[in-house]
Amino acid sequence: MIKNYIPMVNIENRDKRIWSKYNESLVQRAVMLIDTDVFEKWKKYLEIENSGKIGRPYEYPIEFFEFLMKIRALWNAPFRVLESFVRILSKITGKFRPLTYVAIFKRIRKIDVKNIG
C-alpha cells in the first residue's frame, strides 16, 4: 500500500494548501540548488586550491565553476550566457576579472560531476 495515499473520493475534504509555507519552500529550493557561499569564502577556497600548486596560481576556485555549472543545468544556459553572467558578477562583486566562455567551458569540463555535493 502506498503511504499517504488520498483516494479521489476524498479530494474535496483534504487540507487546503498553506500558501505562505508553499511559497517559502519554493524559495528555499532555489537557495539549496544555487549556493552562493563561494563568494563569501572565495579567498579560503583559493588558498586551499593553490596550496602546494606548482606554476601559475588559480584565480577562481573550482566551487565558482560548480556554481556556474548548476546555473547552466537549471536554466539550460549556453556558455556565452554564462560569460555575460560572470561579467555582471565581476562588476557587482569586484572580486575577479571576467572570463571568456572558452575558459568557463574548459574548467567546467574538468569537474567530476559525481563528487559535487
N, C-alpha and C. Protein backbone atom coordinates (compact mmCIF):
# COMPACT_ATOMS: atom_id res chain seq x y z
N MET A 1 0.83 -1.18 0.00
CA MET A 1 0.00 0.00 0.00
C MET A 1 0.88 1.25 0.00
N ILE A 2 0.52 2.26 -0.74
CA ILE A 2 1.27 3.49 -0.84
C ILE A 2 0.99 4.37 0.37
N LYS A 3 2.06 4.88 0.99
CA LYS A 3 1.90 5.75 2.15
C LYS A 3 1.31 7.08 1.72
N ASN A 4 0.53 7.67 2.60
CA ASN A 4 -0.07 8.99 2.40
C ASN A 4 -0.95 9.07 1.15
N TYR A 5 -1.51 7.97 0.76
CA TYR A 5 -2.39 7.95 -0.41
C TYR A 5 -3.75 8.51 -0.04
N ILE A 6 -4.24 9.46 -0.82
CA ILE A 6 -5.56 10.04 -0.58
C ILE A 6 -6.44 9.64 -1.75
N PRO A 7 -7.48 8.85 -1.51
CA PRO A 7 -8.35 8.45 -2.61
C PRO A 7 -9.05 9.65 -3.24
N MET A 8 -9.39 9.52 -4.51
CA MET A 8 -10.02 10.61 -5.25
C MET A 8 -11.37 11.02 -4.65
N VAL A 9 -12.05 10.12 -4.00
CA VAL A 9 -13.36 10.46 -3.44
C VAL A 9 -13.23 11.48 -2.31
N ASN A 10 -12.10 11.51 -1.63
CA ASN A 10 -11.91 12.42 -0.51
C ASN A 10 -11.14 13.68 -0.89
N ILE A 11 -10.98 13.92 -2.16
CA ILE A 11 -10.15 15.04 -2.57
C ILE A 11 -10.76 16.38 -2.15
N GLU A 12 -12.06 16.46 -2.06
CA GLU A 12 -12.70 17.72 -1.65
C GLU A 12 -12.45 18.00 -0.17
N ASN A 13 -12.21 16.95 0.60
CA ASN A 13 -12.07 17.10 2.04
C ASN A 13 -10.62 17.27 2.50
N ARG A 14 -9.69 17.10 1.60
CA ARG A 14 -8.30 17.19 2.05
C ARG A 14 -7.95 18.64 2.40
N ASP A 15 -6.89 18.79 3.18
CA ASP A 15 -6.48 20.11 3.66
C ASP A 15 -6.10 21.01 2.50
N LYS A 16 -6.40 22.27 2.64
CA LYS A 16 -6.02 23.25 1.62
C LYS A 16 -4.53 23.57 1.76
N ARG A 17 -3.92 23.97 0.68
CA ARG A 17 -2.50 24.32 0.70
C ARG A 17 -2.30 25.58 1.54
N ILE A 18 -1.27 25.58 2.35
CA ILE A 18 -0.90 26.76 3.13
C ILE A 18 0.10 27.53 2.28
N TRP A 19 -0.37 28.58 1.65
CA TRP A 19 0.40 29.26 0.63
C TRP A 19 1.68 29.88 1.16
N SER A 20 1.69 30.39 2.36
CA SER A 20 2.91 31.01 2.89
C SER A 20 4.03 29.97 3.02
N LYS A 21 3.69 28.78 3.49
CA LYS A 21 4.69 27.72 3.61
C LYS A 21 5.11 27.20 2.24
N TYR A 22 4.16 27.08 1.34
CA TYR A 22 4.46 26.60 -0.01
C TYR A 22 5.40 27.58 -0.73
N ASN A 23 5.10 28.88 -0.65
CA ASN A 23 5.94 29.88 -1.30
C ASN A 23 7.35 29.86 -0.72
N GLU A 24 7.46 29.76 0.60
CA GLU A 24 8.78 29.72 1.23
C GLU A 24 9.55 28.48 0.81
N SER A 25 8.86 27.36 0.64
CA SER A 25 9.54 26.13 0.22
C SER A 25 10.11 26.28 -1.20
N LEU A 26 9.40 27.00 -2.06
CA LEU A 26 9.91 27.24 -3.42
C LEU A 26 11.15 28.13 -3.39
N VAL A 27 11.15 29.13 -2.52
CA VAL A 27 12.31 30.00 -2.39
C VAL A 27 13.49 29.21 -1.86
N GLN A 28 13.28 28.39 -0.84
CA GLN A 28 14.36 27.60 -0.26
C GLN A 28 14.90 26.56 -1.23
N ARG A 29 14.07 26.07 -2.11
CA ARG A 29 14.52 25.11 -3.12
C ARG A 29 15.59 25.73 -4.00
N ALA A 30 15.38 26.98 -4.43
CA ALA A 30 16.37 27.66 -5.25
C ALA A 30 17.62 27.97 -4.45
N VAL A 31 17.46 28.32 -3.17
CA VAL A 31 18.62 28.60 -2.32
C VAL A 31 19.47 27.35 -2.17
N MET A 32 18.84 26.20 -2.03
CA MET A 32 19.58 24.96 -1.89
C MET A 32 20.28 24.57 -3.19
N LEU A 33 19.63 24.82 -4.32
CA LEU A 33 20.21 24.44 -5.60
C LEU A 33 21.41 25.31 -5.98
N ILE A 34 21.30 26.60 -5.71
CA ILE A 34 22.36 27.52 -6.08
C ILE A 34 22.92 28.15 -4.81
N ASP A 35 23.97 27.56 -4.29
CA ASP A 35 24.60 28.01 -3.06
C ASP A 35 25.59 29.12 -3.38
N THR A 36 25.42 30.27 -2.76
CA THR A 36 26.29 31.42 -3.04
C THR A 36 27.43 31.56 -2.04
N ASP A 37 27.71 30.51 -1.27
CA ASP A 37 28.82 30.53 -0.32
C ASP A 37 30.16 30.79 -0.99
N VAL A 38 30.26 30.45 -2.24
CA VAL A 38 31.53 30.61 -2.95
C VAL A 38 32.01 32.05 -2.90
N PHE A 39 31.12 33.02 -2.91
CA PHE A 39 31.52 34.42 -2.90
C PHE A 39 31.98 34.86 -1.51
N GLU A 40 31.39 34.26 -0.49
CA GLU A 40 31.78 34.60 0.88
C GLU A 40 33.10 33.94 1.27
N LYS A 41 33.38 32.78 0.71
CA LYS A 41 34.57 32.01 1.08
C LYS A 41 35.60 31.96 -0.05
N TRP A 42 35.54 32.92 -0.94
CA TRP A 42 36.38 32.95 -2.14
C TRP A 42 37.85 32.78 -1.81
N LYS A 43 38.39 33.61 -0.90
CA LYS A 43 39.82 33.56 -0.57
C LYS A 43 40.20 32.23 0.08
N LYS A 44 39.35 31.73 0.94
CA LYS A 44 39.62 30.46 1.62
C LYS A 44 39.71 29.32 0.60
N TYR A 45 38.76 29.27 -0.33
CA TYR A 45 38.77 28.23 -1.36
C TYR A 45 40.03 28.33 -2.22
N LEU A 46 40.42 29.56 -2.58
CA LEU A 46 41.63 29.74 -3.41
C LEU A 46 42.89 29.31 -2.67
N GLU A 47 42.97 29.64 -1.39
CA GLU A 47 44.14 29.23 -0.60
C GLU A 47 44.26 27.71 -0.58
N ILE A 48 43.15 27.03 -0.38
CA ILE A 48 43.16 25.56 -0.36
C ILE A 48 43.57 25.00 -1.71
N GLU A 49 43.00 25.55 -2.77
CA GLU A 49 43.26 25.05 -4.11
C GLU A 49 44.69 25.33 -4.57
N ASN A 50 45.25 26.46 -4.14
CA ASN A 50 46.59 26.84 -4.59
C ASN A 50 47.71 26.34 -3.68
N SER A 51 47.36 25.77 -2.52
CA SER A 51 48.42 25.30 -1.62
C SER A 51 49.15 24.12 -2.27
N GLY A 52 50.45 24.26 -2.39
CA GLY A 52 51.27 23.21 -2.98
C GLY A 52 51.22 23.16 -4.49
N LYS A 53 50.50 24.09 -5.13
CA LYS A 53 50.39 24.09 -6.58
C LYS A 53 51.68 24.66 -7.19
N ILE A 54 52.15 24.03 -8.23
CA ILE A 54 53.32 24.50 -8.95
C ILE A 54 52.83 25.25 -10.19
N GLY A 55 53.42 26.40 -10.45
CA GLY A 55 53.02 27.18 -11.60
C GLY A 55 52.08 28.31 -11.21
N ARG A 56 51.43 28.83 -12.21
CA ARG A 56 50.53 29.97 -12.01
C ARG A 56 49.37 29.57 -11.09
N PRO A 57 49.10 30.39 -10.07
CA PRO A 57 48.01 30.04 -9.15
C PRO A 57 46.63 30.27 -9.80
N TYR A 58 45.67 29.53 -9.29
CA TYR A 58 44.29 29.71 -9.76
C TYR A 58 43.76 31.05 -9.28
N GLU A 59 42.97 31.70 -10.10
CA GLU A 59 42.31 32.94 -9.72
C GLU A 59 40.86 32.70 -9.31
N TYR A 60 40.32 31.56 -9.71
CA TYR A 60 38.93 31.23 -9.46
C TYR A 60 38.86 29.85 -8.81
N PRO A 61 38.16 29.73 -7.69
CA PRO A 61 38.05 28.40 -7.07
C PRO A 61 37.12 27.50 -7.89
N ILE A 62 37.33 26.22 -7.78
CA ILE A 62 36.52 25.26 -8.53
C ILE A 62 35.05 25.36 -8.12
N GLU A 63 34.79 25.79 -6.90
CA GLU A 63 33.40 25.97 -6.43
C GLU A 63 32.66 27.01 -7.25
N PHE A 64 33.40 28.01 -7.77
CA PHE A 64 32.78 29.01 -8.63
C PHE A 64 32.28 28.38 -9.92
N PHE A 65 33.07 27.46 -10.47
CA PHE A 65 32.65 26.80 -11.71
C PHE A 65 31.53 25.80 -11.45
N GLU A 66 31.50 25.22 -10.26
CA GLU A 66 30.36 24.37 -9.90
C GLU A 66 29.09 25.21 -9.80
N PHE A 67 29.22 26.43 -9.27
CA PHE A 67 28.11 27.38 -9.21
C PHE A 67 27.60 27.68 -10.62
N LEU A 68 28.51 27.96 -11.54
CA LEU A 68 28.13 28.24 -12.94
C LEU A 68 27.53 27.01 -13.61
N MET A 69 28.07 25.85 -13.27
CA MET A 69 27.56 24.61 -13.86
C MET A 69 26.12 24.35 -13.43
N LYS A 70 25.81 24.66 -12.18
CA LYS A 70 24.43 24.49 -11.70
C LYS A 70 23.48 25.44 -12.41
N ILE A 71 23.92 26.67 -12.63
CA ILE A 71 23.10 27.64 -13.37
C ILE A 71 22.87 27.14 -14.78
N ARG A 72 23.92 26.63 -15.39
CA ARG A 72 23.79 26.08 -16.76
C ARG A 72 22.81 24.93 -16.80
N ALA A 73 22.88 24.05 -15.81
CA ALA A 73 22.00 22.89 -15.79
C ALA A 73 20.55 23.27 -15.50
N LEU A 74 20.35 24.21 -14.59
CA LEU A 74 18.98 24.59 -14.21
C LEU A 74 18.24 25.32 -15.31
N TRP A 75 18.94 26.26 -15.96
CA TRP A 75 18.27 27.09 -16.96
C TRP A 75 18.75 26.84 -18.37
N ASN A 76 19.49 25.77 -18.57
CA ASN A 76 19.97 25.40 -19.90
C ASN A 76 20.67 26.59 -20.58
N ALA A 77 21.51 27.27 -19.81
CA ALA A 77 22.19 28.47 -20.30
C ALA A 77 23.40 28.08 -21.13
N PRO A 78 23.53 28.66 -22.31
CA PRO A 78 24.74 28.43 -23.12
C PRO A 78 25.96 29.08 -22.45
N PHE A 79 27.15 28.69 -22.87
CA PHE A 79 28.37 29.20 -22.26
C PHE A 79 28.54 30.70 -22.47
N ARG A 80 28.06 31.22 -23.58
CA ARG A 80 28.16 32.67 -23.81
C ARG A 80 27.26 33.45 -22.85
N VAL A 81 26.15 32.87 -22.47
CA VAL A 81 25.29 33.50 -21.45
C VAL A 81 25.99 33.46 -20.10
N LEU A 82 26.67 32.35 -19.81
CA LEU A 82 27.45 32.28 -18.57
C LEU A 82 28.55 33.34 -18.56
N GLU A 83 29.15 33.58 -19.72
CA GLU A 83 30.18 34.62 -19.81
C GLU A 83 29.59 35.99 -19.44
N SER A 84 28.43 36.30 -19.97
CA SER A 84 27.81 37.59 -19.63
C SER A 84 27.41 37.63 -18.15
N PHE A 85 26.97 36.51 -17.62
CA PHE A 85 26.63 36.42 -16.20
C PHE A 85 27.86 36.68 -15.34
N VAL A 86 29.00 36.12 -15.73
CA VAL A 86 30.26 36.33 -14.99
C VAL A 86 30.69 37.79 -15.09
N ARG A 87 30.50 38.41 -16.24
CA ARG A 87 30.83 39.83 -16.38
C ARG A 87 30.02 40.68 -15.41
N ILE A 88 28.73 40.37 -15.31
CA ILE A 88 27.86 41.12 -14.40
C ILE A 88 28.29 40.89 -12.96
N LEU A 89 28.56 39.63 -12.59
CA LEU A 89 29.02 39.33 -11.24
C LEU A 89 30.35 40.02 -10.93
N SER A 90 31.21 40.10 -11.94
CA SER A 90 32.50 40.74 -11.77
C SER A 90 32.32 42.22 -11.44
N LYS A 91 31.41 42.88 -12.14
CA LYS A 91 31.13 44.30 -11.87
C LYS A 91 30.54 44.48 -10.47
N ILE A 92 29.61 43.60 -10.10
CA ILE A 92 28.93 43.75 -8.82
C ILE A 92 29.86 43.48 -7.64
N THR A 93 30.60 42.37 -7.71
CA THR A 93 31.42 41.96 -6.57
C THR A 93 32.80 42.60 -6.56
N GLY A 94 33.39 42.81 -7.72
CA GLY A 94 34.75 43.33 -7.80
C GLY A 94 35.80 42.33 -7.33
N LYS A 95 35.44 41.06 -7.20
CA LYS A 95 36.35 40.04 -6.68
C LYS A 95 37.23 39.42 -7.76
N PHE A 96 36.84 39.49 -8.99
CA PHE A 96 37.56 38.80 -10.04
C PHE A 96 37.37 39.51 -11.37
N ARG A 97 38.21 39.16 -12.32
CA ARG A 97 38.06 39.71 -13.66
C ARG A 97 37.15 38.79 -14.46
N PRO A 98 36.48 39.31 -15.47
CA PRO A 98 35.59 38.47 -16.28
C PRO A 98 36.34 37.37 -17.03
N LEU A 99 35.64 36.29 -17.31
CA LEU A 99 36.19 35.15 -18.04
C LEU A 99 35.55 35.06 -19.42
N THR A 100 36.26 34.43 -20.34
CA THR A 100 35.66 34.14 -21.64
C THR A 100 34.86 32.84 -21.52
N TYR A 101 33.96 32.62 -22.46
CA TYR A 101 33.17 31.40 -22.44
C TYR A 101 34.04 30.17 -22.64
N VAL A 102 35.16 30.33 -23.33
CA VAL A 102 36.07 29.20 -23.55
C VAL A 102 36.71 28.77 -22.23
N ALA A 103 37.14 29.74 -21.42
CA ALA A 103 37.74 29.43 -20.13
C ALA A 103 36.72 28.75 -19.21
N ILE A 104 35.49 29.25 -19.24
CA ILE A 104 34.42 28.64 -18.44
C ILE A 104 34.18 27.21 -18.90
N PHE A 105 34.10 27.01 -20.21
CA PHE A 105 33.88 25.69 -20.78
C PHE A 105 34.98 24.71 -20.35
N LYS A 106 36.24 25.14 -20.46
CA LYS A 106 37.35 24.25 -20.13
C LYS A 106 37.35 23.85 -18.66
N ARG A 107 37.08 24.80 -17.76
CA ARG A 107 37.09 24.46 -16.33
C ARG A 107 35.88 23.60 -15.96
N ILE A 108 34.73 23.88 -16.53
CA ILE A 108 33.53 23.09 -16.21
C ILE A 108 33.71 21.66 -16.71
N ARG A 109 34.34 21.49 -17.88
CA ARG A 109 34.54 20.15 -18.43
C ARG A 109 35.44 19.28 -17.56
N LYS A 110 36.30 19.91 -16.73
CA LYS A 110 37.22 19.17 -15.86
C LYS A 110 36.57 18.71 -14.55
N ILE A 111 35.38 19.22 -14.24
CA ILE A 111 34.74 18.93 -12.96
C ILE A 111 34.17 17.51 -12.98
N ASP A 112 34.45 16.77 -11.93
CA ASP A 112 33.89 15.43 -11.76
C ASP A 112 32.49 15.58 -11.15
N VAL A 113 31.48 15.36 -11.95
CA VAL A 113 30.09 15.58 -11.54
C VAL A 113 29.69 14.67 -10.38
N LYS A 114 30.29 13.53 -10.28
CA LYS A 114 29.94 12.58 -9.22
C LYS A 114 30.28 13.08 -7.83
N ASN A 115 31.26 13.98 -7.72
CA ASN A 115 31.72 14.45 -6.41
C ASN A 115 31.08 15.77 -5.97
N ILE A 116 30.15 16.29 -6.75
CA ILE A 116 29.50 17.56 -6.38
C ILE A 116 28.45 17.27 -5.32
N GLY A 117 28.49 18.09 -4.27
CA GLY A 117 27.56 17.87 -3.16
C GLY A 117 26.38 18.73 -3.15
